[in-house]
Amino acid sequence: MKTRTEIILIVLKYVALLGGIGFSIECGAELLSLVVSFVNPGWAKNVYKFNPDWFVIRERNPWYYIFGMSIVIFTSALKATVWYQIFYLLEKLQLQSPFSMKVTKKLELIAILLLGVWILMGFIGKLYSWYLVQDTGLAFPAYDEGGDYFFIAGIVYIISQIFKRGIEMQEENQLTV
């Protein structure tokens, strides 16, 4: 019989898989929107999560539009990667000995990816929005500031360091026996 913790981790593993699939679909839809907006500009107004400001930016300067959409697409791709890494972490996690270097490295990778999401959304997106307003008077219709991702990246990194210390303590205990 499985413990409550094992059941919760199994459910969370599949929630993480669904999150990865969802953000992969979002990334693909945004990429398709970018392509469709150049093939048939009339369709661009009806594509996935399309903001009318995107069409104005596209009409003003296609390179501004491509760069802005690239930020959005890469952010979605990074979010999908984070969710897949969480799925793989939960897939490989052994509750008998949760403190392992594999888990620590995976947590550090997740923290780095979350930091990348923050850099794209909160830093590059904001800087690009400022530049776009200065140059064209149009604002970059960013979805999110991304500040939460910086906070979460810090928490995940702290947890990875706790795991690393747990591994060191396990090794010290094995040497003293």
N, C-alpha and C. Protein backbone atom coordinates (compact mmCIF):
# COMPACT_ATOMS: atom_id res chain seq x y z
N MET A 1 0.84 -1.18 0.00
CA MET A 1 0.00 0.00 0.00
C MET A 1 0.89 1.25 0.00
N LYS A 2 0.54 2.19 -0.84
CA LYS A 2 1.33 3.41 -0.96
C LYS A 2 0.95 4.39 0.14
N THR A 3 1.96 5.12 0.58
CA THR A 3 1.71 6.13 1.60
C THR A 3 1.07 7.35 0.96
N ARG A 4 0.59 8.22 1.81
CA ARG A 4 -0.05 9.44 1.33
C ARG A 4 0.94 10.30 0.54
N THR A 5 2.17 10.37 1.01
CA THR A 5 3.21 11.15 0.33
C THR A 5 3.47 10.61 -1.06
N GLU A 6 3.54 9.29 -1.20
CA GLU A 6 3.78 8.68 -2.52
C GLU A 6 2.64 8.99 -3.48
N ILE A 7 1.42 8.94 -2.99
CA ILE A 7 0.26 9.24 -3.82
C ILE A 7 0.28 10.70 -4.27
N ILE A 8 0.59 11.60 -3.34
CA ILE A 8 0.66 13.03 -3.67
C ILE A 8 1.74 13.27 -4.72
N LEU A 9 2.91 12.64 -4.57
CA LEU A 9 4.00 12.84 -5.53
C LEU A 9 3.65 12.27 -6.91
N ILE A 10 2.91 11.18 -6.95
CA ILE A 10 2.47 10.62 -8.24
C ILE A 10 1.51 11.59 -8.92
N VAL A 11 0.58 12.14 -8.15
CA VAL A 11 -0.37 13.11 -8.72
C VAL A 11 0.37 14.35 -9.20
N LEU A 12 1.31 14.84 -8.40
CA LEU A 12 2.07 16.03 -8.78
C LEU A 12 2.95 15.78 -10.01
N LYS A 13 3.44 14.55 -10.14
CA LYS A 13 4.24 14.20 -11.32
C LYS A 13 3.41 14.37 -12.58
N TYR A 14 2.17 13.91 -12.55
CA TYR A 14 1.33 14.02 -13.74
C TYR A 14 0.79 15.44 -13.94
N VAL A 15 0.65 16.19 -12.87
CA VAL A 15 0.30 17.60 -13.00
C VAL A 15 1.46 18.34 -13.69
N ALA A 16 2.69 18.01 -13.31
CA ALA A 16 3.86 18.62 -13.95
C ALA A 16 3.92 18.25 -15.43
N LEU A 17 3.59 16.99 -15.75
CA LEU A 17 3.56 16.58 -17.15
C LEU A 17 2.51 17.37 -17.92
N LEU A 18 1.34 17.56 -17.32
CA LEU A 18 0.29 18.36 -17.96
C LEU A 18 0.73 19.81 -18.14
N GLY A 19 1.43 20.36 -17.15
CA GLY A 19 1.97 21.72 -17.28
C GLY A 19 2.95 21.82 -18.43
N GLY A 20 3.83 20.83 -18.56
CA GLY A 20 4.78 20.82 -19.67
C GLY A 20 4.09 20.72 -21.01
N ILE A 21 3.09 19.86 -21.09
CA ILE A 21 2.34 19.72 -22.35
C ILE A 21 1.59 21.01 -22.65
N GLY A 22 0.97 21.61 -21.64
CA GLY A 22 0.23 22.86 -21.84
C GLY A 22 1.09 23.99 -22.34
N PHE A 23 2.27 24.18 -21.73
CA PHE A 23 3.16 25.24 -22.19
C PHE A 23 3.80 24.92 -23.54
N SER A 24 3.97 23.62 -23.85
CA SER A 24 4.45 23.25 -25.19
C SER A 24 3.42 23.62 -26.25
N ILE A 25 2.16 23.36 -25.93
CA ILE A 25 1.09 23.73 -26.86
C ILE A 25 1.03 25.25 -27.02
N GLU A 26 1.17 25.97 -25.91
CA GLU A 26 1.17 27.44 -25.97
C GLU A 26 2.32 27.95 -26.81
N CYS A 27 3.50 27.37 -26.63
CA CYS A 27 4.68 27.78 -27.40
C CYS A 27 4.44 27.51 -28.89
N GLY A 28 3.92 26.34 -29.21
CA GLY A 28 3.63 26.02 -30.60
C GLY A 28 2.59 26.95 -31.20
N ALA A 29 1.56 27.27 -30.41
CA ALA A 29 0.51 28.17 -30.91
C ALA A 29 1.07 29.57 -31.16
N GLU A 30 1.95 30.04 -30.29
CA GLU A 30 2.55 31.35 -30.48
C GLU A 30 3.47 31.37 -31.70
N LEU A 31 4.21 30.28 -31.88
CA LEU A 31 5.07 30.18 -33.06
C LEU A 31 4.22 30.14 -34.33
N LEU A 32 3.15 29.39 -34.29
CA LEU A 32 2.24 29.34 -35.43
C LEU A 32 1.62 30.72 -35.69
N SER A 33 1.29 31.44 -34.63
CA SER A 33 0.75 32.79 -34.78
C SER A 33 1.73 33.71 -35.48
N LEU A 34 3.00 33.58 -35.12
CA LEU A 34 4.04 34.39 -35.76
C LEU A 34 4.10 34.10 -37.27
N VAL A 35 4.11 32.83 -37.61
CA VAL A 35 4.20 32.44 -39.02
C VAL A 35 2.94 32.88 -39.77
N VAL A 36 1.77 32.61 -39.18
CA VAL A 36 0.50 32.95 -39.84
C VAL A 36 0.38 34.45 -40.07
N SER A 37 0.88 35.24 -39.14
CA SER A 37 0.75 36.69 -39.28
C SER A 37 1.54 37.23 -40.47
N PHE A 38 2.53 36.48 -40.94
CA PHE A 38 3.26 36.90 -42.12
C PHE A 38 2.70 36.28 -43.40
N VAL A 39 2.12 35.09 -43.29
CA VAL A 39 1.53 34.45 -44.46
C VAL A 39 0.25 35.17 -44.87
N ASN A 40 -0.59 35.46 -43.89
CA ASN A 40 -1.85 36.15 -44.17
C ASN A 40 -2.11 37.14 -43.03
N PRO A 41 -1.76 38.41 -43.20
CA PRO A 41 -1.91 39.39 -42.13
C PRO A 41 -3.35 39.52 -41.61
N GLY A 42 -4.33 39.22 -42.43
CA GLY A 42 -5.72 39.28 -41.99
C GLY A 42 -6.02 38.25 -40.91
N TRP A 43 -5.37 37.11 -40.99
CA TRP A 43 -5.56 36.08 -39.97
C TRP A 43 -4.90 36.47 -38.66
N ALA A 44 -3.92 37.33 -38.73
CA ALA A 44 -3.15 37.69 -37.55
C ALA A 44 -4.02 38.27 -36.45
N LYS A 45 -5.12 38.89 -36.83
CA LYS A 45 -5.99 39.48 -35.82
C LYS A 45 -6.79 38.43 -35.06
N ASN A 46 -6.83 37.21 -35.56
CA ASN A 46 -7.64 36.16 -34.94
C ASN A 46 -6.82 35.01 -34.39
N VAL A 47 -5.53 35.16 -34.29
CA VAL A 47 -4.71 34.05 -33.83
C VAL A 47 -4.70 33.96 -32.32
N TYR A 48 -4.10 32.90 -31.82
CA TYR A 48 -4.07 32.57 -30.41
C TYR A 48 -3.53 33.70 -29.54
N LYS A 49 -4.30 34.10 -28.55
CA LYS A 49 -3.91 35.14 -27.58
C LYS A 49 -3.42 36.41 -28.26
N PHE A 50 -3.98 36.75 -29.37
CA PHE A 50 -3.48 37.90 -30.12
C PHE A 50 -3.95 39.19 -29.48
N ASN A 51 -3.03 40.06 -29.24
CA ASN A 51 -3.31 41.38 -28.71
C ASN A 51 -3.33 42.35 -29.90
N PRO A 52 -4.34 43.19 -30.02
CA PRO A 52 -4.40 44.12 -31.17
C PRO A 52 -3.15 44.99 -31.31
N ASP A 53 -2.46 45.26 -30.21
CA ASP A 53 -1.24 46.05 -30.28
C ASP A 53 -0.15 45.34 -31.09
N TRP A 54 -0.17 44.00 -31.09
CA TRP A 54 0.81 43.25 -31.87
C TRP A 54 0.67 43.58 -33.35
N PHE A 55 -0.58 43.69 -33.82
CA PHE A 55 -0.81 43.97 -35.24
C PHE A 55 -0.27 45.35 -35.61
N VAL A 56 -0.46 46.32 -34.72
CA VAL A 56 0.03 47.67 -34.97
C VAL A 56 1.57 47.66 -35.02
N ILE A 57 2.17 46.93 -34.09
CA ILE A 57 3.64 46.83 -34.07
C ILE A 57 4.12 46.14 -35.34
N ARG A 58 3.43 45.09 -35.75
CA ARG A 58 3.81 44.36 -36.97
C ARG A 58 3.73 45.25 -38.20
N GLU A 59 2.69 46.07 -38.25
CA GLU A 59 2.54 46.97 -39.40
C GLU A 59 3.59 48.07 -39.39
N ARG A 60 3.97 48.54 -38.20
CA ARG A 60 4.96 49.60 -38.08
C ARG A 60 6.35 49.12 -38.48
N ASN A 61 6.77 47.97 -37.89
CA ASN A 61 8.08 47.43 -38.18
C ASN A 61 8.06 45.92 -37.91
N PRO A 62 8.18 45.10 -38.93
CA PRO A 62 8.13 43.65 -38.75
C PRO A 62 9.23 43.12 -37.82
N TRP A 63 10.39 43.75 -37.81
CA TRP A 63 11.47 43.27 -36.95
C TRP A 63 11.16 43.49 -35.47
N TYR A 64 10.50 44.57 -35.14
CA TYR A 64 10.07 44.78 -33.76
C TYR A 64 9.09 43.68 -33.35
N TYR A 65 8.20 43.36 -34.26
CA TYR A 65 7.20 42.33 -34.02
C TYR A 65 7.87 40.96 -33.84
N ILE A 66 8.81 40.63 -34.71
CA ILE A 66 9.49 39.34 -34.62
C ILE A 66 10.26 39.24 -33.31
N PHE A 67 10.96 40.30 -32.92
CA PHE A 67 11.72 40.27 -31.67
C PHE A 67 10.78 40.11 -30.48
N GLY A 68 9.69 40.86 -30.45
CA GLY A 68 8.73 40.76 -29.35
C GLY A 68 8.11 39.38 -29.26
N MET A 69 7.71 38.83 -30.41
CA MET A 69 7.13 37.49 -30.42
C MET A 69 8.17 36.45 -30.02
N SER A 70 9.42 36.67 -30.37
CA SER A 70 10.49 35.74 -29.98
C SER A 70 10.62 35.68 -28.46
N ILE A 71 10.53 36.83 -27.81
CA ILE A 71 10.58 36.85 -26.35
C ILE A 71 9.45 36.01 -25.78
N VAL A 72 8.25 36.19 -26.31
CA VAL A 72 7.08 35.46 -25.83
C VAL A 72 7.23 33.96 -26.10
N ILE A 73 7.70 33.60 -27.27
CA ILE A 73 7.85 32.18 -27.64
C ILE A 73 8.92 31.51 -26.79
N PHE A 74 10.07 32.16 -26.63
CA PHE A 74 11.14 31.58 -25.82
C PHE A 74 10.74 31.47 -24.35
N THR A 75 9.95 32.41 -23.86
CA THR A 75 9.47 32.33 -22.49
C THR A 75 8.57 31.12 -22.31
N SER A 76 7.66 30.90 -23.24
CA SER A 76 6.80 29.72 -23.17
C SER A 76 7.60 28.43 -23.25
N ALA A 77 8.63 28.43 -24.10
CA ALA A 77 9.48 27.24 -24.22
C ALA A 77 10.23 26.97 -22.91
N LEU A 78 10.71 28.02 -22.27
CA LEU A 78 11.40 27.84 -20.98
C LEU A 78 10.44 27.34 -19.91
N LYS A 79 9.22 27.87 -19.89
CA LYS A 79 8.23 27.40 -18.93
C LYS A 79 7.91 25.92 -19.14
N ALA A 80 7.79 25.51 -20.40
CA ALA A 80 7.55 24.09 -20.69
C ALA A 80 8.72 23.25 -20.21
N THR A 81 9.93 23.74 -20.44
CA THR A 81 11.12 23.01 -20.00
C THR A 81 11.16 22.87 -18.49
N VAL A 82 10.78 23.92 -17.78
CA VAL A 82 10.73 23.85 -16.31
C VAL A 82 9.78 22.74 -15.88
N TRP A 83 8.59 22.70 -16.45
CA TRP A 83 7.61 21.68 -16.07
C TRP A 83 8.10 20.28 -16.41
N TYR A 84 8.75 20.10 -17.56
CA TYR A 84 9.28 18.79 -17.91
C TYR A 84 10.39 18.38 -16.95
N GLN A 85 11.22 19.33 -16.54
CA GLN A 85 12.28 19.02 -15.58
C GLN A 85 11.69 18.62 -14.23
N ILE A 86 10.61 19.27 -13.83
CA ILE A 86 9.94 18.88 -12.58
C ILE A 86 9.38 17.48 -12.71
N PHE A 87 8.80 17.16 -13.87
CA PHE A 87 8.29 15.81 -14.10
C PHE A 87 9.42 14.79 -13.99
N TYR A 88 10.56 15.05 -14.65
CA TYR A 88 11.68 14.12 -14.60
C TYR A 88 12.25 14.00 -13.18
N LEU A 89 12.25 15.11 -12.46
CA LEU A 89 12.70 15.07 -11.07
C LEU A 89 11.81 14.14 -10.25
N LEU A 90 10.50 14.30 -10.37
CA LEU A 90 9.58 13.46 -9.62
C LEU A 90 9.61 12.01 -10.11
N GLU A 91 9.95 11.82 -11.36
CA GLU A 91 10.06 10.47 -11.92
C GLU A 91 11.25 9.73 -11.30
N LYS A 92 12.35 10.43 -11.12
CA LYS A 92 13.59 9.80 -10.62
C LYS A 92 13.71 9.82 -9.09
N LEU A 93 12.85 10.57 -8.43
CA LEU A 93 12.95 10.73 -6.98
C LEU A 93 12.66 9.40 -6.27
N GLN A 94 13.55 9.01 -5.38
CA GLN A 94 13.36 7.81 -4.58
C GLN A 94 13.16 8.25 -3.14
N LEU A 95 12.00 7.92 -2.60
CA LEU A 95 11.68 8.39 -1.25
C LEU A 95 12.52 7.71 -0.17
N GLN A 96 13.10 6.54 -0.49
CA GLN A 96 13.95 5.87 0.50
C GLN A 96 15.23 6.67 0.75
N SER A 97 15.74 7.32 -0.30
CA SER A 97 16.93 8.17 -0.15
C SER A 97 16.76 9.40 -1.05
N PRO A 98 15.99 10.37 -0.58
CA PRO A 98 15.71 11.54 -1.43
C PRO A 98 16.91 12.45 -1.63
N PHE A 99 17.88 12.40 -0.73
CA PHE A 99 19.04 13.27 -0.85
C PHE A 99 20.06 12.61 -1.76
N SER A 100 20.05 13.00 -3.03
CA SER A 100 21.02 12.47 -3.99
C SER A 100 21.50 13.62 -4.86
N MET A 101 22.64 13.41 -5.48
CA MET A 101 23.21 14.44 -6.35
C MET A 101 22.33 14.67 -7.58
N LYS A 102 21.63 13.62 -8.05
CA LYS A 102 20.73 13.78 -9.19
C LYS A 102 19.63 14.78 -8.86
N VAL A 103 19.05 14.63 -7.68
CA VAL A 103 17.98 15.53 -7.26
C VAL A 103 18.51 16.95 -7.09
N THR A 104 19.67 17.08 -6.48
CA THR A 104 20.27 18.39 -6.27
C THR A 104 20.56 19.08 -7.60
N LYS A 105 21.16 18.37 -8.52
CA LYS A 105 21.48 18.95 -9.84
C LYS A 105 20.21 19.33 -10.58
N LYS A 106 19.17 18.50 -10.48
CA LYS A 106 17.90 18.80 -11.17
C LYS A 106 17.27 20.05 -10.56
N LEU A 107 17.32 20.18 -9.23
CA LEU A 107 16.77 21.37 -8.58
C LEU A 107 17.54 22.63 -8.98
N GLU A 108 18.86 22.52 -9.08
CA GLU A 108 19.66 23.67 -9.51
C GLU A 108 19.32 24.05 -10.96
N LEU A 109 19.12 23.05 -11.82
CA LEU A 109 18.75 23.31 -13.21
C LEU A 109 17.38 24.01 -13.28
N ILE A 110 16.45 23.55 -12.47
CA ILE A 110 15.12 24.18 -12.44
C ILE A 110 15.24 25.63 -11.98
N ALA A 111 16.07 25.89 -10.98
CA ALA A 111 16.27 27.26 -10.52
C ALA A 111 16.87 28.13 -11.62
N ILE A 112 17.82 27.60 -12.36
CA ILE A 112 18.43 28.36 -13.45
C ILE A 112 17.42 28.64 -14.55
N LEU A 113 16.59 27.64 -14.88
CA LEU A 113 15.56 27.85 -15.91
C LEU A 113 14.54 28.89 -15.47
N LEU A 114 14.16 28.85 -14.20
CA LEU A 114 13.22 29.87 -13.68
C LEU A 114 13.85 31.25 -13.71
N LEU A 115 15.12 31.33 -13.43
CA LEU A 115 15.83 32.60 -13.53
C LEU A 115 15.83 33.07 -14.98
N GLY A 116 15.99 32.14 -15.92
CA GLY A 116 15.92 32.49 -17.34
C GLY A 116 14.56 33.03 -17.74
N VAL A 117 13.50 32.45 -17.19
CA VAL A 117 12.15 32.96 -17.46
C VAL A 117 12.04 34.39 -16.95
N TRP A 118 12.56 34.63 -15.76
CA TRP A 118 12.51 35.99 -15.21
C TRP A 118 13.30 36.96 -16.07
N ILE A 119 14.49 36.53 -16.51
CA ILE A 119 15.32 37.41 -17.33
C ILE A 119 14.59 37.76 -18.62
N LEU A 120 13.97 36.78 -19.25
CA LEU A 120 13.25 37.06 -20.50
C LEU A 120 12.03 37.94 -20.28
N MET A 121 11.23 37.60 -19.28
CA MET A 121 9.97 38.33 -19.07
C MET A 121 10.18 39.66 -18.35
N GLY A 122 10.89 39.58 -17.25
CA GLY A 122 10.99 40.75 -16.40
C GLY A 122 12.06 41.73 -16.79
N PHE A 123 13.12 41.24 -17.38
CA PHE A 123 14.23 42.14 -17.70
C PHE A 123 14.25 42.50 -19.18
N ILE A 124 14.43 41.51 -20.04
CA ILE A 124 14.52 41.79 -21.48
C ILE A 124 13.19 42.32 -21.99
N GLY A 125 12.07 41.71 -21.56
CA GLY A 125 10.75 42.18 -22.00
C GLY A 125 10.48 43.61 -21.57
N LYS A 126 10.85 43.93 -20.34
CA LYS A 126 10.64 45.29 -19.85
C LYS A 126 11.55 46.28 -20.57
N LEU A 127 12.79 45.91 -20.77
CA LEU A 127 13.73 46.77 -21.49
C LEU A 127 13.27 46.98 -22.94
N TYR A 128 12.80 45.91 -23.56
CA TYR A 128 12.31 46.02 -24.93
C TYR A 128 11.07 46.89 -24.99
N SER A 129 10.19 46.75 -24.02
CA SER A 129 8.98 47.59 -23.97
C SER A 129 9.36 49.06 -23.85
N TRP A 130 10.34 49.35 -22.99
CA TRP A 130 10.80 50.74 -22.83
C TRP A 130 11.35 51.25 -24.16
N TYR A 131 12.18 50.45 -24.83
CA TYR A 131 12.76 50.85 -26.11
C TYR A 131 11.67 51.08 -27.14
N LEU A 132 10.70 50.19 -27.18
CA LEU A 132 9.62 50.29 -28.17
C LEU A 132 8.80 51.56 -27.96
N VAL A 133 8.53 51.91 -26.72
CA VAL A 133 7.79 53.14 -26.42
C VAL A 133 8.60 54.35 -26.85
N GLN A 134 9.90 54.33 -26.58
CA GLN A 134 10.76 55.45 -26.97
C GLN A 134 10.84 55.61 -28.48
N ASP A 135 10.91 54.50 -29.20
CA ASP A 135 11.12 54.55 -30.64
C ASP A 135 9.82 54.73 -31.43
N THR A 136 8.75 54.07 -31.00
CA THR A 136 7.53 54.08 -31.79
C THR A 136 6.32 54.67 -31.07
N GLY A 137 6.40 54.78 -29.76
CA GLY A 137 5.25 55.24 -29.00
C GLY A 137 4.29 54.11 -28.66
N LEU A 138 4.60 52.88 -29.10
CA LEU A 138 3.77 51.72 -28.83
C LEU A 138 4.38 50.89 -27.71
N ALA A 139 3.54 50.38 -26.85
CA ALA A 139 4.02 49.56 -25.74
C ALA A 139 4.05 48.09 -26.15
N PHE A 140 5.03 47.36 -25.67
CA PHE A 140 5.14 45.92 -25.88
C PHE A 140 4.08 45.25 -25.02
N PRO A 141 3.13 44.56 -25.63
CA PRO A 141 2.05 43.96 -24.84
C PRO A 141 2.51 42.68 -24.14
N ALA A 142 3.35 42.84 -23.13
CA ALA A 142 3.87 41.69 -22.39
C ALA A 142 2.76 41.09 -21.53
N TYR A 143 2.82 39.82 -21.35
CA TYR A 143 1.79 39.12 -20.58
C TYR A 143 2.00 39.27 -19.08
N ASP A 144 3.26 39.35 -18.67
CA ASP A 144 3.56 39.30 -17.24
C ASP A 144 4.89 40.00 -16.98
N GLU A 145 5.03 40.54 -15.81
CA GLU A 145 6.30 41.17 -15.43
C GLU A 145 7.35 40.12 -15.09
N GLY A 146 6.94 38.96 -14.60
CA GLY A 146 7.87 37.87 -14.33
C GLY A 146 8.54 37.92 -12.97
N GLY A 147 8.19 38.84 -12.11
CA GLY A 147 8.83 38.95 -10.80
C GLY A 147 8.65 37.72 -9.93
N ASP A 148 7.55 37.03 -10.10
CA ASP A 148 7.30 35.82 -9.32
C ASP A 148 8.33 34.74 -9.64
N TYR A 149 8.76 34.69 -10.87
CA TYR A 149 9.72 33.66 -11.28
C TYR A 149 11.08 33.87 -10.61
N PHE A 150 11.46 35.10 -10.40
CA PHE A 150 12.72 35.39 -9.70
C PHE A 150 12.64 34.89 -8.27
N PHE A 151 11.53 35.15 -7.62
CA PHE A 151 11.30 34.71 -6.24
C PHE A 151 11.31 33.19 -6.16
N ILE A 152 10.59 32.53 -7.05
CA ILE A 152 10.51 31.07 -7.03
C ILE A 152 11.88 30.45 -7.35
N ALA A 153 12.62 31.05 -8.28
CA ALA A 153 13.96 30.56 -8.60
C ALA A 153 14.85 30.59 -7.36
N GLY A 154 14.74 31.66 -6.59
CA GLY A 154 15.51 31.75 -5.34
C GLY A 154 15.12 30.68 -4.35
N ILE A 155 13.86 30.42 -4.21
CA ILE A 155 13.40 29.39 -3.27
C ILE A 155 13.88 28.01 -3.72
N VAL A 156 13.75 27.70 -5.00
CA VAL A 156 14.19 26.40 -5.50
C VAL A 156 15.70 26.25 -5.33
N TYR A 157 16.45 27.32 -5.55
CA TYR A 157 17.90 27.25 -5.37
C TYR A 157 18.24 27.01 -3.90
N ILE A 158 17.54 27.65 -2.99
CA ILE A 158 17.78 27.43 -1.56
C ILE A 158 17.48 25.97 -1.20
N ILE A 159 16.39 25.43 -1.74
CA ILE A 159 16.06 24.03 -1.47
C ILE A 159 17.15 23.10 -2.02
N SER A 160 17.70 23.43 -3.19
CA SER A 160 18.77 22.60 -3.75
C SER A 160 20.00 22.63 -2.84
N GLN A 161 20.28 23.78 -2.24
CA GLN A 161 21.42 23.87 -1.33
C GLN A 161 21.16 23.09 -0.03
N ILE A 162 19.92 23.05 0.41
CA ILE A 162 19.56 22.24 1.58
C ILE A 162 19.77 20.76 1.24
N PHE A 163 19.35 20.36 0.05
CA PHE A 163 19.57 18.98 -0.38
C PHE A 163 21.05 18.66 -0.44
N LYS A 164 21.84 19.61 -0.94
CA LYS A 164 23.29 19.40 -1.04
C LYS A 164 23.89 19.20 0.36
N ARG A 165 23.42 19.99 1.31
CA ARG A 165 23.90 19.83 2.70
C ARG A 165 23.44 18.49 3.27
N GLY A 166 22.24 18.06 2.91
CA GLY A 166 21.75 16.75 3.36
C GLY A 166 22.63 15.62 2.83
N ILE A 167 23.10 15.75 1.61
CA ILE A 167 23.99 14.74 1.02
C ILE A 167 25.31 14.72 1.79
N GLU A 168 25.84 15.90 2.09
CA GLU A 168 27.09 15.98 2.85
C GLU A 168 26.94 15.32 4.21
N MET A 169 25.81 15.56 4.86
CA MET A 169 25.58 14.96 6.18
C MET A 169 25.44 13.45 6.07
N GLN A 170 24.79 12.94 5.03
CA GLN A 170 24.66 11.51 4.82
C GLN A 170 26.04 10.88 4.65
N GLU A 171 26.90 11.53 3.85
CA GLU A 171 28.24 11.02 3.62
C GLU A 171 29.07 11.03 4.90
N GLU A 172 28.93 12.07 5.72
CA GLU A 172 29.65 12.14 6.99
C GLU A 172 29.19 11.02 7.91
N ASN A 173 27.88 10.76 7.96
CA ASN A 173 27.36 9.70 8.81
C ASN A 173 27.83 8.32 8.35
N GLN A 174 27.94 8.12 7.03
CA GLN A 174 28.41 6.84 6.52
C GLN A 174 29.89 6.63 6.84
N LEU A 175 30.66 7.71 6.87
CA LEU A 175 32.09 7.60 7.17
C LEU A 175 32.34 7.32 8.65
N THR A 176 31.46 7.76 9.53
CA THR A 176 31.67 7.57 10.97
C THR A 176 31.26 6.18 11.43
N VAL A 177 30.50 5.45 10.64
CA VAL A 177 30.05 4.11 11.06
C VAL A 177 31.11 3.13 10.87
